[in-house]
Amino acid sequence: RRLPALLHALAALPKLRWIRLLYCYPSYFSEELIQTIASVDKVVKYIDIPLQHLSPTVLARMRRPGAAGTDSILRRLREAVPGLVLRTTFICGFPGETDEEHEELVRRARDLGFARGGAFAYSQEDGTVAASMEEQIDENLKQDRRDELSALFQEQSRAWAEAQLGKTINVMVDRMEGNDAIGRTEFDAPDIDNTVRIPEMPLLPGTVVPVKVVAVDETDLIGEVAAVP
Protein backbone atom coordinates (compact mmCIF):
# COMPACT_ATOMS: atom_id res chain seq x y z
CA ARG A 1 0.00 0.00 0.00
CA ARG A 2 2.96 2.32 0.51
CA LEU A 3 4.59 1.57 -2.85
CA PRO A 4 2.87 4.40 -4.80
CA ALA A 5 4.10 6.94 -2.23
CA LEU A 6 7.61 5.47 -2.40
CA LEU A 7 7.64 5.69 -6.20
CA HIS A 8 6.63 9.35 -6.08
CA ALA A 9 9.34 10.07 -3.50
CA LEU A 10 12.01 8.30 -5.56
CA ALA A 11 10.92 10.10 -8.72
CA ALA A 12 11.61 13.40 -6.99
CA LEU A 13 15.35 12.57 -6.71
CA PRO A 14 16.94 14.61 -9.50
CA LYS A 15 19.82 12.24 -10.32
CA LEU A 16 17.67 9.10 -10.47
CA ARG A 17 16.85 8.25 -14.07
CA TRP A 18 14.84 5.01 -14.08
CA ILE A 19 12.79 3.16 -11.47
CA ARG A 20 12.10 -0.50 -12.22
CA LEU A 21 9.55 -2.79 -10.57
CA LEU A 22 10.76 -6.36 -10.17
CA TYR A 23 9.17 -9.42 -8.56
CA CYS A 24 5.73 -7.87 -8.14
CA TYR A 25 2.99 -10.34 -7.26
CA PRO A 26 -0.41 -9.73 -8.90
CA SER A 27 -1.94 -8.89 -5.52
CA TYR A 28 0.28 -5.79 -5.33
CA PHE A 29 -1.55 -3.98 -8.12
CA SER A 30 -4.08 -1.63 -6.61
CA GLU A 31 -5.67 0.97 -8.86
CA GLU A 32 -3.47 3.59 -7.17
CA LEU A 33 -0.31 1.67 -8.04
CA ILE A 34 -1.40 1.15 -11.64
CA GLN A 35 -2.07 4.87 -12.08
CA THR A 36 1.27 5.72 -10.47
CA ILE A 37 3.12 3.46 -12.91
CA ALA A 38 1.24 5.10 -15.78
CA SER A 39 1.78 8.70 -14.69
CA VAL A 40 5.29 8.81 -13.21
CA ASP A 41 7.74 9.19 -16.10
CA LYS A 42 10.73 7.77 -14.20
CA VAL A 43 8.91 4.51 -13.54
CA VAL A 44 9.86 2.47 -16.59
CA LYS A 45 7.01 0.81 -18.46
CA TYR A 46 8.27 -2.68 -17.67
CA ILE A 47 7.02 -4.90 -14.86
CA ASP A 48 8.26 -8.26 -13.66
CA ILE A 49 5.38 -10.40 -12.36
CA PRO A 50 6.47 -13.92 -11.30
CA LEU A 51 3.36 -16.00 -11.93
CA GLN A 52 5.06 -19.43 -11.47
CA HIS A 53 2.29 -21.22 -13.39
CA LEU A 54 -1.05 -20.54 -15.08
CA SER A 55 -2.90 -23.79 -14.37
CA PRO A 56 -5.22 -23.37 -11.34
CA THR A 57 -4.65 -26.97 -10.25
CA VAL A 58 -0.86 -26.64 -10.34
CA LEU A 59 -1.02 -23.34 -8.46
CA ALA A 60 -3.17 -25.02 -5.81
CA ARG A 61 -0.54 -27.76 -5.37
CA MET A 62 2.12 -25.04 -5.14
CA ARG A 63 0.02 -23.38 -2.44
CA ARG A 64 0.12 -20.16 -4.40
CA PRO A 65 -2.72 -17.73 -5.16
CA GLY A 66 -4.91 -18.80 -8.06
CA ALA A 67 -4.73 -17.34 -11.52
CA ALA A 68 -8.34 -16.14 -11.57
CA GLY A 69 -7.48 -12.44 -11.33
CA THR A 70 -4.32 -12.52 -13.45
CA ASP A 71 -6.03 -11.78 -16.78
CA SER A 72 -7.93 -8.87 -15.26
CA ILE A 73 -4.83 -7.32 -13.71
CA LEU A 74 -2.79 -7.64 -16.89
CA ARG A 75 -5.62 -6.12 -18.91
CA ARG A 76 -5.91 -3.17 -16.51
CA LEU A 77 -2.15 -2.61 -16.63
CA ARG A 78 -2.05 -2.63 -20.42
CA GLU A 79 -5.05 -0.32 -20.69
CA ALA A 80 -3.45 2.18 -18.32
CA VAL A 81 0.13 1.88 -19.63
CA PRO A 82 0.36 1.80 -23.45
CA GLY A 83 3.41 -0.09 -24.68
CA LEU A 84 3.91 -1.87 -21.35
CA VAL A 85 6.40 -4.75 -21.45
CA LEU A 86 5.74 -7.62 -19.05
CA ARG A 87 8.20 -10.20 -17.77
CA THR A 88 7.34 -13.35 -15.87
CA THR A 89 8.84 -16.63 -14.71
CA PHE A 90 7.34 -20.10 -14.75
CA ILE A 91 8.26 -23.40 -13.14
CA CYS A 92 7.96 -26.49 -15.33
CA GLY A 93 7.52 -30.02 -14.09
CA PHE A 94 6.17 -29.34 -10.60
CA PRO A 95 5.16 -32.66 -8.97
CA GLY A 96 1.99 -34.03 -10.52
CA GLU A 97 2.01 -31.64 -13.51
CA THR A 98 0.16 -33.40 -16.32
CA ASP A 99 0.62 -32.94 -20.06
CA GLU A 100 -2.69 -31.06 -20.11
CA GLU A 101 -1.59 -28.68 -17.34
CA HIS A 102 1.68 -27.97 -19.12
CA GLU A 103 -0.16 -27.38 -22.40
CA GLU A 104 -2.47 -24.96 -20.60
CA LEU A 105 0.55 -23.09 -19.28
CA VAL A 106 2.12 -22.77 -22.73
CA ARG A 107 -1.16 -21.75 -24.38
CA ARG A 108 -1.98 -19.10 -21.80
CA ALA A 109 1.60 -17.78 -21.76
CA ARG A 110 1.33 -17.28 -25.52
CA ASP A 111 -2.11 -15.65 -25.26
CA LEU A 112 -0.98 -13.25 -22.53
CA GLY A 113 1.88 -12.04 -24.72
CA PHE A 114 4.85 -11.79 -22.37
CA ALA A 115 7.70 -10.06 -24.20
CA ARG A 116 10.20 -11.24 -21.59
CA GLY A 117 10.26 -14.41 -19.56
CA GLY A 118 12.18 -17.17 -17.87
CA ALA A 119 11.37 -20.86 -17.52
CA PHE A 120 12.89 -23.16 -14.93
CA ALA A 121 12.64 -26.88 -14.35
CA TYR A 122 11.35 -27.76 -10.88
CA SER A 123 14.11 -28.89 -8.55
CA GLN A 124 13.51 -30.93 -5.40
CA GLU A 125 14.72 -29.16 -2.27
CA ASP A 126 15.13 -31.16 0.92
CA GLY A 127 12.71 -30.22 3.66
CA THR A 128 10.06 -28.75 1.37
CA VAL A 129 6.53 -30.09 1.06
CA ALA A 130 6.88 -30.47 -2.70
CA ALA A 131 9.99 -32.62 -2.38
CA SER A 132 7.99 -35.32 -0.60
CA MET A 133 5.03 -35.21 -2.99
CA GLU A 134 4.24 -38.25 -5.05
CA GLU A 135 4.27 -38.09 -8.86
CA GLN A 136 7.67 -36.45 -9.20
CA ILE A 137 8.24 -35.66 -12.88
CA ASP A 138 10.98 -37.37 -14.88
CA GLU A 139 14.01 -35.11 -15.20
CA ASN A 140 14.14 -35.32 -19.00
CA LEU A 141 10.46 -34.45 -19.27
CA LYS A 142 10.95 -31.44 -16.99
CA GLN A 143 13.78 -30.21 -19.20
CA ASP A 144 11.72 -30.75 -22.35
CA ARG A 145 8.85 -28.71 -20.91
CA ARG A 146 11.22 -25.97 -19.82
CA ASP A 147 12.78 -25.87 -23.29
CA GLU A 148 9.38 -25.56 -24.94
CA LEU A 149 8.46 -22.60 -22.76
CA SER A 150 11.88 -20.99 -23.19
CA ALA A 151 11.48 -21.25 -26.96
CA LEU A 152 8.14 -19.47 -26.69
CA PHE A 153 9.68 -16.63 -24.69
CA GLN A 154 12.51 -16.38 -27.22
CA GLU A 155 10.00 -16.17 -30.05
CA GLN A 156 7.98 -13.45 -28.32
CA SER A 157 11.10 -11.49 -27.36
CA ARG A 158 12.32 -11.66 -30.97
CA ALA A 159 8.97 -10.39 -32.22
CA TRP A 160 9.17 -7.44 -29.82
CA ALA A 161 12.71 -6.65 -30.99
CA GLU A 162 11.74 -6.74 -34.65
CA ALA A 163 8.86 -4.36 -33.93
CA GLN A 164 11.42 -1.76 -32.75
CA LEU A 165 13.15 -1.49 -36.13
CA GLY A 166 13.20 2.11 -37.30
CA LYS A 167 12.09 3.47 -33.94
CA THR A 168 14.11 5.81 -31.72
CA ILE A 169 14.21 4.73 -28.08
CA ASN A 170 16.18 5.78 -25.02
CA VAL A 171 19.08 3.51 -24.11
CA MET A 172 21.10 3.45 -20.88
CA VAL A 173 24.74 2.50 -21.42
CA ASP A 174 26.03 -0.25 -19.12
CA ARG A 175 29.56 -0.86 -20.41
CA MET A 176 31.95 -0.66 -23.34
CA GLU A 177 33.03 -3.65 -25.46
CA GLY A 178 35.95 -2.38 -27.49
CA ASN A 179 34.62 0.69 -29.30
CA ASP A 180 30.98 -0.40 -29.00
CA ALA A 181 28.69 0.85 -26.27
CA ILE A 182 26.45 -1.84 -24.77
CA GLY A 183 23.26 -0.73 -23.10
CA ARG A 184 19.60 -1.54 -22.69
CA THR A 185 16.23 0.04 -23.14
CA GLU A 186 13.88 0.82 -20.28
CA PHE A 187 12.13 -2.41 -21.31
CA ASP A 188 15.12 -4.56 -20.31
CA ALA A 189 16.34 -5.33 -16.80
CA PRO A 190 20.13 -5.49 -16.30
CA ASP A 191 21.82 -8.86 -16.72
CA ILE A 192 18.64 -10.86 -17.45
CA ASP A 193 17.05 -9.25 -20.51
CA ASN A 194 18.19 -8.06 -23.92
CA THR A 195 20.85 -5.52 -24.85
CA VAL A 196 21.42 -2.72 -27.34
CA ARG A 197 24.74 -2.45 -29.18
CA ILE A 198 25.81 0.99 -30.43
CA PRO A 199 28.81 0.39 -32.72
CA GLU A 200 31.79 2.74 -32.71
CA MET A 201 30.34 5.04 -30.06
CA PRO A 202 32.37 5.55 -26.86
CA LEU A 203 29.95 6.47 -24.07
CA LEU A 204 30.24 6.53 -20.31
CA PRO A 205 28.26 3.92 -18.33
CA GLY A 206 25.09 5.47 -17.00
CA THR A 207 24.65 7.75 -20.01
CA VAL A 208 21.14 7.73 -21.46
CA VAL A 209 20.94 8.49 -25.19
CA PRO A 210 18.24 8.33 -27.87
CA VAL A 211 19.08 5.49 -30.25
CA LYS A 212 17.56 4.68 -33.62
CA VAL A 213 17.20 0.91 -34.04
CA VAL A 214 18.75 -0.14 -37.36
CA ALA A 215 19.06 -3.93 -36.97
CA VAL A 216 18.11 -6.89 -34.79
CA ASP A 217 20.43 -9.69 -33.69
CA GLU A 218 18.13 -12.47 -32.46
CA THR A 219 16.53 -10.63 -29.51
CA ASP A 220 19.12 -7.86 -29.13
CA LEU A 221 19.02 -4.49 -30.87
CA ILE A 222 21.67 -2.65 -32.85
CA GLY A 223 21.36 1.10 -33.19
CA GLU A 224 22.94 4.43 -33.84
CA VAL A 225 22.80 7.46 -31.58
CA ALA A 226 20.16 9.90 -32.79
CA ALA A 227 21.68 12.82 -30.86
CA VAL A 228 25.15 12.97 -29.28
CA PRO A 229 24.87 13.79 -25.56
C-alpha atoms as a PDB file:
ATOM      1  CA  ARG A   1       0.000   0.000   0.000  1.00  0.00           C
ATOM      2  CA  ARG A   2       2.958   2.319   0.505  1.00  0.00           C
ATOM      3  CA  LEU A   3       4.587   1.567  -2.851  1.00  0.00           C
ATOM      4  CA  PRO A   4       2.872   4.399  -4.796  1.00  0.00           C
ATOM      5  CA  ALA A   5       4.105   6.943  -2.226  1.00  0.00           C
ATOM      6  CA  LEU A   6       7.613   5.474  -2.397  1.00  0.00           C
ATOM      7  CA  LEU A   7       7.638   5.693  -6.203  1.00  0.00           C
ATOM      8  CA  HIS A   8       6.629   9.353  -6.077  1.00  0.00           C
ATOM      9  CA  ALA A   9       9.344  10.071  -3.501  1.00  0.00           C
ATOM     10  CA  LEU A  10      12.007   8.298  -5.561  1.00  0.00           C
ATOM     11  CA  ALA A  11      10.922  10.101  -8.722  1.00  0.00           C
ATOM     12  CA  ALA A  12      11.614  13.404  -6.988  1.00  0.00           C
ATOM     13  CA  LEU A  13      15.345  12.566  -6.715  1.00  0.00           C
ATOM     14  CA  PRO A  14      16.943  14.614  -9.504  1.00  0.00           C
ATOM     15  CA  LYS A  15      19.821  12.238 -10.316  1.00  0.00           C
ATOM     16  CA  LEU A  16      17.671   9.102 -10.466  1.00  0.00           C
ATOM     17  CA  ARG A  17      16.854   8.248 -14.074  1.00  0.00           C
ATOM     18  CA  TRP A  18      14.838   5.013 -14.079  1.00  0.00           C
ATOM     19  CA  ILE A  19      12.791   3.156 -11.470  1.00  0.00           C
ATOM     20  CA  ARG A  20      12.105  -0.498 -12.224  1.00  0.00           C
ATOM     21  CA  LEU A  21       9.545  -2.787 -10.573  1.00  0.00           C
ATOM     22  CA  LEU A  22      10.761  -6.364 -10.171  1.00  0.00           C
ATOM     23  CA  TYR A  23       9.167  -9.418  -8.561  1.00  0.00           C
ATOM     24  CA  CYS A  24       5.726  -7.870  -8.139  1.00  0.00           C
ATOM     25  CA  TYR A  25       2.987 -10.340  -7.261  1.00  0.00           C
ATOM     26  CA  PRO A  26      -0.415  -9.729  -8.901  1.00  0.00           C
ATOM     27  CA  SER A  27      -1.937  -8.893  -5.517  1.00  0.00           C
ATOM     28  CA  TYR A  28       0.277  -5.787  -5.327  1.00  0.00           C
ATOM     29  CA  PHE A  29      -1.552  -3.984  -8.116  1.00  0.00           C
ATOM     30  CA  SER A  30      -4.077  -1.625  -6.608  1.00  0.00           C
ATOM     31  CA  GLU A  31      -5.665   0.973  -8.859  1.00  0.00           C
ATOM     32  CA  GLU A  32      -3.466   3.590  -7.172  1.00  0.00           C
ATOM     33  CA  LEU A  33      -0.305   1.674  -8.045  1.00  0.00           C
ATOM     34  CA  ILE A  34      -1.397   1.146 -11.643  1.00  0.00           C
ATOM     35  CA  GLN A  35      -2.070   4.868 -12.082  1.00  0.00           C
ATOM     36  CA  THR A  36       1.272   5.716 -10.469  1.00  0.00           C
ATOM     37  CA  ILE A  37       3.119   3.463 -12.914  1.00  0.00           C
ATOM     38  CA  ALA A  38       1.242   5.101 -15.779  1.00  0.00           C
ATOM     39  CA  SER A  39       1.777   8.699 -14.686  1.00  0.00           C
ATOM     40  CA  VAL A  40       5.289   8.813 -13.208  1.00  0.00           C
ATOM     41  CA  ASP A  41       7.745   9.188 -16.095  1.00  0.00           C
ATOM     42  CA  LYS A  42      10.728   7.773 -14.197  1.00  0.00           C
ATOM     43  CA  VAL A  43       8.908   4.505 -13.538  1.00  0.00           C
ATOM     44  CA  VAL A  44       9.859   2.468 -16.588  1.00  0.00           C
ATOM     45  CA  LYS A  45       7.014   0.813 -18.455  1.00  0.00           C
ATOM     46  CA  TYR A  46       8.266  -2.679 -17.671  1.00  0.00           C
ATOM     47  CA  ILE A  47       7.025  -4.897 -14.862  1.00  0.00           C
ATOM     48  CA  ASP A  48       8.265  -8.263 -13.662  1.00  0.00           C
ATOM     49  CA  ILE A  49       5.383 -10.399 -12.364  1.00  0.00           C
ATOM     50  CA  PRO A  50       6.467 -13.923 -11.297  1.00  0.00           C
ATOM     51  CA  LEU A  51       3.357 -16.000 -11.930  1.00  0.00           C
ATOM     52  CA  GLN A  52       5.058 -19.429 -11.468  1.00  0.00           C
ATOM     53  CA  HIS A  53       2.289 -21.221 -13.386  1.00  0.00           C
ATOM     54  CA  LEU A  54      -1.050 -20.544 -15.075  1.00  0.00           C
ATOM     55  CA  SER A  55      -2.897 -23.785 -14.367  1.00  0.00           C
ATOM     56  CA  PRO A  56      -5.222 -23.374 -11.342  1.00  0.00           C
ATOM     57  CA  THR A  57      -4.654 -26.972 -10.253  1.00  0.00           C
ATOM     58  CA  VAL A  58      -0.857 -26.643 -10.336  1.00  0.00           C
ATOM     59  CA  LEU A  59      -1.016 -23.341  -8.455  1.00  0.00           C
ATOM     60  CA  ALA A  60      -3.166 -25.017  -5.814  1.00  0.00           C
ATOM     61  CA  ARG A  61      -0.545 -27.762  -5.373  1.00  0.00           C
ATOM     62  CA  MET A  62       2.118 -25.045  -5.138  1.00  0.00           C
ATOM     63  CA  ARG A  63       0.016 -23.379  -2.436  1.00  0.00           C
ATOM     64  CA  ARG A  64       0.118 -20.164  -4.397  1.00  0.00           C
ATOM     65  CA  PRO A  65      -2.720 -17.734  -5.157  1.00  0.00           C
ATOM     66  CA  GLY A  66      -4.910 -18.800  -8.058  1.00  0.00           C
ATOM     67  CA  ALA A  67      -4.726 -17.340 -11.522  1.00  0.00           C
ATOM     68  CA  ALA A  68      -8.341 -16.137 -11.571  1.00  0.00           C
ATOM     69  CA  GLY A  69      -7.479 -12.443 -11.333  1.00  0.00           C
ATOM     70  CA  THR A  70      -4.323 -12.520 -13.454  1.00  0.00           C
ATOM     71  CA  ASP A  71      -6.030 -11.784 -16.778  1.00  0.00           C
ATOM     72  CA  SER A  72      -7.931  -8.865 -15.262  1.00  0.00           C
ATOM     73  CA  ILE A  73      -4.826  -7.325 -13.712  1.00  0.00           C
ATOM     74  CA  LEU A  74      -2.786  -7.636 -16.890  1.00  0.00           C
ATOM     75  CA  ARG A  75      -5.616  -6.125 -18.908  1.00  0.00           C
ATOM     76  CA  ARG A  76      -5.909  -3.172 -16.508  1.00  0.00           C
ATOM     77  CA  LEU A  77      -2.154  -2.615 -16.629  1.00  0.00           C
ATOM     78  CA  ARG A  78      -2.055  -2.633 -20.419  1.00  0.00           C
ATOM     79  CA  GLU A  79      -5.046  -0.323 -20.694  1.00  0.00           C
ATOM     80  CA  ALA A  80      -3.446   2.183 -18.319  1.00  0.00           C
ATOM     81  CA  VAL A  81       0.127   1.880 -19.635  1.00  0.00           C
ATOM     82  CA  PRO A  82       0.364   1.796 -23.453  1.00  0.00           C
ATOM     83  CA  GLY A  83       3.412  -0.085 -24.683  1.00  0.00           C
ATOM     84  CA  LEU A  84       3.907  -1.866 -21.350  1.00  0.00           C
ATOM     85  CA  VAL A  85       6.395  -4.748 -21.449  1.00  0.00           C
ATOM     86  CA  LEU A  86       5.742  -7.620 -19.051  1.00  0.00           C
ATOM     87  CA  ARG A  87       8.203 -10.200 -17.772  1.00  0.00           C
ATOM     88  CA  THR A  88       7.340 -13.347 -15.867  1.00  0.00           C
ATOM     89  CA  THR A  89       8.843 -16.630 -14.711  1.00  0.00           C
ATOM     90  CA  PHE A  90       7.340 -20.097 -14.745  1.00  0.00           C
ATOM     91  CA  ILE A  91       8.265 -23.399 -13.136  1.00  0.00           C
ATOM     92  CA  CYS A  92       7.960 -26.488 -15.333  1.00  0.00           C
ATOM     93  CA  GLY A  93       7.519 -30.017 -14.088  1.00  0.00           C
ATOM     94  CA  PHE A  94       6.170 -29.337 -10.604  1.00  0.00           C
ATOM     95  CA  PRO A  95       5.157 -32.657  -8.971  1.00  0.00           C
ATOM     96  CA  GLY A  96       1.986 -34.025 -10.523  1.00  0.00           C
ATOM     97  CA  GLU A  97       2.006 -31.640 -13.506  1.00  0.00           C
ATOM     98  CA  THR A  98       0.161 -33.398 -16.321  1.00  0.00           C
ATOM     99  CA  ASP A  99       0.616 -32.943 -20.056  1.00  0.00           C
ATOM    100  CA  GLU A 100      -2.690 -31.063 -20.114  1.00  0.00           C
ATOM    101  CA  GLU A 101      -1.595 -28.684 -17.337  1.00  0.00           C
ATOM    102  CA  HIS A 102       1.675 -27.970 -19.122  1.00  0.00           C
ATOM    103  CA  GLU A 103      -0.161 -27.385 -22.399  1.00  0.00           C
ATOM    104  CA  GLU A 104      -2.475 -24.959 -20.598  1.00  0.00           C
ATOM    105  CA  LEU A 105       0.554 -23.091 -19.275  1.00  0.00           C
ATOM    106  CA  VAL A 106       2.115 -22.772 -22.734  1.00  0.00           C
ATOM    107  CA  ARG A 107      -1.163 -21.753 -24.376  1.00  0.00           C
ATOM    108  CA  ARG A 108      -1.977 -19.099 -21.805  1.00  0.00           C
ATOM    109  CA  ALA A 109       1.603 -17.780 -21.760  1.00  0.00           C
ATOM    110  CA  ARG A 110       1.326 -17.284 -25.521  1.00  0.00           C
ATOM    111  CA  ASP A 111      -2.106 -15.653 -25.263  1.00  0.00           C
ATOM    112  CA  LEU A 112      -0.981 -13.251 -22.526  1.00  0.00           C
ATOM    113  CA  GLY A 113       1.881 -12.043 -24.721  1.00  0.00           C
ATOM    114  CA  PHE A 114       4.847 -11.789 -22.366  1.00  0.00           C
ATOM    115  CA  ALA A 115       7.703 -10.059 -24.204  1.00  0.00           C
ATOM    116  CA  ARG A 116      10.195 -11.236 -21.586  1.00  0.00           C
ATOM    117  CA  GLY A 117      10.259 -14.413 -19.558  1.00  0.00           C
ATOM    118  CA  GLY A 118      12.176 -17.165 -17.872  1.00  0.00           C
ATOM    119  CA  ALA A 119      11.369 -20.858 -17.516  1.00  0.00           C
ATOM    120  CA  PHE A 120      12.888 -23.158 -14.926  1.00  0.00           C
ATOM    121  CA  ALA A 121      12.644 -26.877 -14.346  1.00  0.00           C
ATOM    122  CA  TYR A 122      11.345 -27.761 -10.884  1.00  0.00           C
ATOM    123  CA  SER A 123      14.115 -28.893  -8.550  1.00  0.00           C
ATOM    124  CA  GLN A 124      13.510 -30.933  -5.403  1.00  0.00           C
ATOM    125  CA  GLU A 125      14.724 -29.155  -2.273  1.00  0.00           C
ATOM    126  CA  ASP A 126      15.135 -31.159   0.918  1.00  0.00           C
ATOM    127  CA  GLY A 127      12.715 -30.216   3.657  1.00  0.00           C
ATOM    128  CA  THR A 128      10.058 -28.754   1.374  1.00  0.00           C
ATOM    129  CA  VAL A 129       6.529 -30.091   1.060  1.00  0.00           C
ATOM    130  CA  ALA A 130       6.879 -30.473  -2.703  1.00  0.00           C
ATOM    131  CA  ALA A 131       9.991 -32.624  -2.377  1.00  0.00           C
ATOM    132  CA  SER A 132       7.985 -35.322  -0.603  1.00  0.00           C
ATOM    133  CA  MET A 133       5.035 -35.215  -2.987  1.00  0.00           C
ATOM    134  CA  GLU A 134       4.237 -38.253  -5.054  1.00  0.00           C
ATOM    135  CA  GLU A 135       4.267 -38.093  -8.857  1.00  0.00           C
ATOM    136  CA  GLN A 136       7.669 -36.448  -9.200  1.00  0.00           C
ATOM    137  CA  ILE A 137       8.236 -35.656 -12.883  1.00  0.00           C
ATOM    138  CA  ASP A 138      10.976 -37.373 -14.875  1.00  0.00           C
ATOM    139  CA  GLU A 139      14.012 -35.108 -15.202  1.00  0.00           C
ATOM    140  CA  ASN A 140      14.140 -35.318 -18.998  1.00  0.00           C
ATOM    141  CA  LEU A 141      10.464 -34.445 -19.265  1.00  0.00           C
ATOM    142  CA  LYS A 142      10.953 -31.441 -16.991  1.00  0.00           C
ATOM    143  CA  GLN A 143      13.782 -30.211 -19.202  1.00  0.00           C
ATOM    144  CA  ASP A 144      11.716 -30.747 -22.349  1.00  0.00           C
ATOM    145  CA  ARG A 145       8.849 -28.706 -20.906  1.00  0.00           C
ATOM    146  CA  ARG A 146      11.222 -25.970 -19.817  1.00  0.00           C
ATOM    147  CA  ASP A 147      12.781 -25.868 -23.287  1.00  0.00           C
ATOM    148  CA  GLU A 148       9.377 -25.557 -24.937  1.00  0.00           C
ATOM    149  CA  LEU A 149       8.458 -22.598 -22.759  1.00  0.00           C
ATOM    150  CA  SER A 150      11.877 -20.994 -23.187  1.00  0.00           C
ATOM    151  CA  ALA A 151      11.482 -21.247 -26.956  1.00  0.00           C
ATOM    152  CA  LEU A 152       8.136 -19.465 -26.694  1.00  0.00           C
ATOM    153  CA  PHE A 153       9.679 -16.630 -24.688  1.00  0.00           C
ATOM    154  CA  GLN A 154      12.512 -16.385 -27.215  1.00  0.00           C
ATOM    155  CA  GLU A 155       9.998 -16.173 -30.046  1.00  0.00           C
ATOM    156  CA  GLN A 156       7.983 -13.453 -28.316  1.00  0.00           C
ATOM    157  CA  SER A 157      11.096 -11.490 -27.364  1.00  0.00           C
ATOM    158  CA  ARG A 158      12.324 -11.663 -30.965  1.00  0.00           C
ATOM    159  CA  ALA A 159       8.973 -10.391 -32.217  1.00  0.00           C
ATOM    160  CA  TRP A 160       9.171  -7.439 -29.820  1.00  0.00           C
ATOM    161  CA  ALA A 161      12.710  -6.649 -30.985  1.00  0.00           C
ATOM    162  CA  GLU A 162      11.736  -6.740 -34.651  1.00  0.00           C
ATOM    163  CA  ALA A 163       8.861  -4.359 -33.930  1.00  0.00           C
ATOM    164  CA  GLN A 164      11.417  -1.758 -32.747  1.00  0.00           C
ATOM    165  CA  LEU A 165      13.148  -1.489 -36.127  1.00  0.00           C
ATOM    166  CA  GLY A 166      13.199   2.107 -37.296  1.00  0.00           C
ATOM    167  CA  LYS A 167      12.087   3.471 -33.937  1.00  0.00           C
ATOM    168  CA  THR A 168      14.109   5.808 -31.724  1.00  0.00           C
ATOM    169  CA  ILE A 169      14.208   4.733 -28.080  1.00  0.00           C
ATOM    170  CA  ASN A 170      16.179   5.781 -25.016  1.00  0.00           C
ATOM    171  CA  VAL A 171      19.083   3.514 -24.111  1.00  0.00           C
ATOM    172  CA  MET A 172      21.095   3.451 -20.882  1.00  0.00           C
ATOM    173  CA  VAL A 173      24.740   2.501 -21.423  1.00  0.00           C
ATOM    174  CA  ASP A 174      26.034  -0.249 -19.120  1.00  0.00           C
ATOM    175  CA  ARG A 175      29.558  -0.856 -20.415  1.00  0.00           C
ATOM    176  CA  MET A 176      31.950  -0.655 -23.341  1.00  0.00           C
ATOM    177  CA  GLU A 177      33.030  -3.646 -25.461  1.00  0.00           C
ATOM    178  CA  GLY A 178      35.950  -2.379 -27.488  1.00  0.00           C
ATOM    179  CA  ASN A 179      34.616   0.691 -29.297  1.00  0.00           C
ATOM    180  CA  ASP A 180      30.983  -0.400 -29.003  1.00  0.00           C
ATOM    181  CA  ALA A 181      28.688   0.853 -26.269  1.00  0.00           C
ATOM    182  CA  ILE A 182      26.453  -1.842 -24.775  1.00  0.00           C
ATOM    183  CA  GLY A 183      23.256  -0.728 -23.104  1.00  0.00           C
ATOM    184  CA  ARG A 184      19.601  -1.535 -22.688  1.00  0.00           C
ATOM    185  CA  THR A 185      16.235   0.037 -23.138  1.00  0.00           C
ATOM    186  CA  GLU A 186      13.881   0.823 -20.284  1.00  0.00           C
ATOM    187  CA  PHE A 187      12.130  -2.414 -21.305  1.00  0.00           C
ATOM    188  CA  ASP A 188      15.123  -4.562 -20.312  1.00  0.00           C
ATOM    189  CA  ALA A 189      16.345  -5.327 -16.796  1.00  0.00           C
ATOM    190  CA  PRO A 190      20.126  -5.486 -16.303  1.00  0.00           C
ATOM    191  CA  ASP A 191      21.821  -8.865 -16.724  1.00  0.00           C
ATOM    192  CA  ILE A 192      18.638 -10.855 -17.447  1.00  0.00           C
ATOM    193  CA  ASP A 193      17.053  -9.245 -20.513  1.00  0.00           C
ATOM    194  CA  ASN A 194      18.187  -8.059 -23.918  1.00  0.00           C
ATOM    195  CA  THR A 195      20.847  -5.517 -24.853  1.00  0.00           C
ATOM    196  CA  VAL A 196      21.417  -2.725 -27.342  1.00  0.00           C
ATOM    197  CA  ARG A 197      24.739  -2.447 -29.177  1.00  0.00           C
ATOM    198  CA  ILE A 198      25.808   0.986 -30.427  1.00  0.00           C
ATOM    199  CA  PRO A 199      28.815   0.389 -32.717  1.00  0.00           C
ATOM    200  CA  GLU A 200      31.792   2.739 -32.706  1.00  0.00           C
ATOM    201  CA  MET A 201      30.343   5.037 -30.063  1.00  0.00           C
ATOM    202  CA  PRO A 202      32.366   5.555 -26.856  1.00  0.00           C
ATOM    203  CA  LEU A 203      29.951   6.465 -24.070  1.00  0.00           C
ATOM    204  CA  LEU A 204      30.244   6.526 -20.308  1.00  0.00           C
ATOM    205  CA  PRO A 205      28.257   3.919 -18.335  1.00  0.00           C
ATOM    206  CA  GLY A 206      25.093   5.465 -17.000  1.00  0.00           C
ATOM    207  CA  THR A 207      24.651   7.746 -20.007  1.00  0.00           C
ATOM    208  CA  VAL A 208      21.138   7.726 -21.464  1.00  0.00           C
ATOM    209  CA  VAL A 209      20.940   8.485 -25.187  1.00  0.00           C
ATOM    210  CA  PRO A 210      18.238   8.326 -27.875  1.00  0.00           C
ATOM    211  CA  VAL A 211      19.082   5.488 -30.251  1.00  0.00           C
ATOM    212  CA  LYS A 212      17.561   4.680 -33.624  1.00  0.00           C
ATOM    213  CA  VAL A 213      17.202   0.912 -34.041  1.00  0.00           C
ATOM    214  CA  VAL A 214      18.746  -0.136 -37.357  1.00  0.00           C
ATOM    215  CA  ALA A 215      19.060  -3.926 -36.965  1.00  0.00           C
ATOM    216  CA  VAL A 216      18.109  -6.894 -34.789  1.00  0.00           C
ATOM    217  CA  ASP A 217      20.431  -9.691 -33.693  1.00  0.00           C
ATOM    218  CA  GLU A 218      18.125 -12.470 -32.463  1.00  0.00           C
ATOM    219  CA  THR A 219      16.530 -10.627 -29.514  1.00  0.00           C
ATOM    220  CA  ASP A 220      19.121  -7.860 -29.126  1.00  0.00           C
ATOM    221  CA  LEU A 221      19.016  -4.489 -30.867  1.00  0.00           C
ATOM    222  CA  ILE A 222      21.675  -2.647 -32.849  1.00  0.00           C
ATOM    223  CA  GLY A 223      21.356   1.097 -33.191  1.00  0.00           C
ATOM    224  CA  GLU A 224      22.939   4.433 -33.837  1.00  0.00           C
ATOM    225  CA  VAL A 225      22.804   7.463 -31.579  1.00  0.00           C
ATOM    226  CA  ALA A 226      20.157   9.895 -32.786  1.00  0.00           C
ATOM    227  CA  ALA A 227      21.680  12.818 -30.862  1.00  0.00           C
ATOM    228  CA  VAL A 228      25.155  12.971 -29.283  1.00  0.00           C
ATOM    229  CA  PRO A 229      24.867  13.795 -25.555  1.00  0.00           C
END
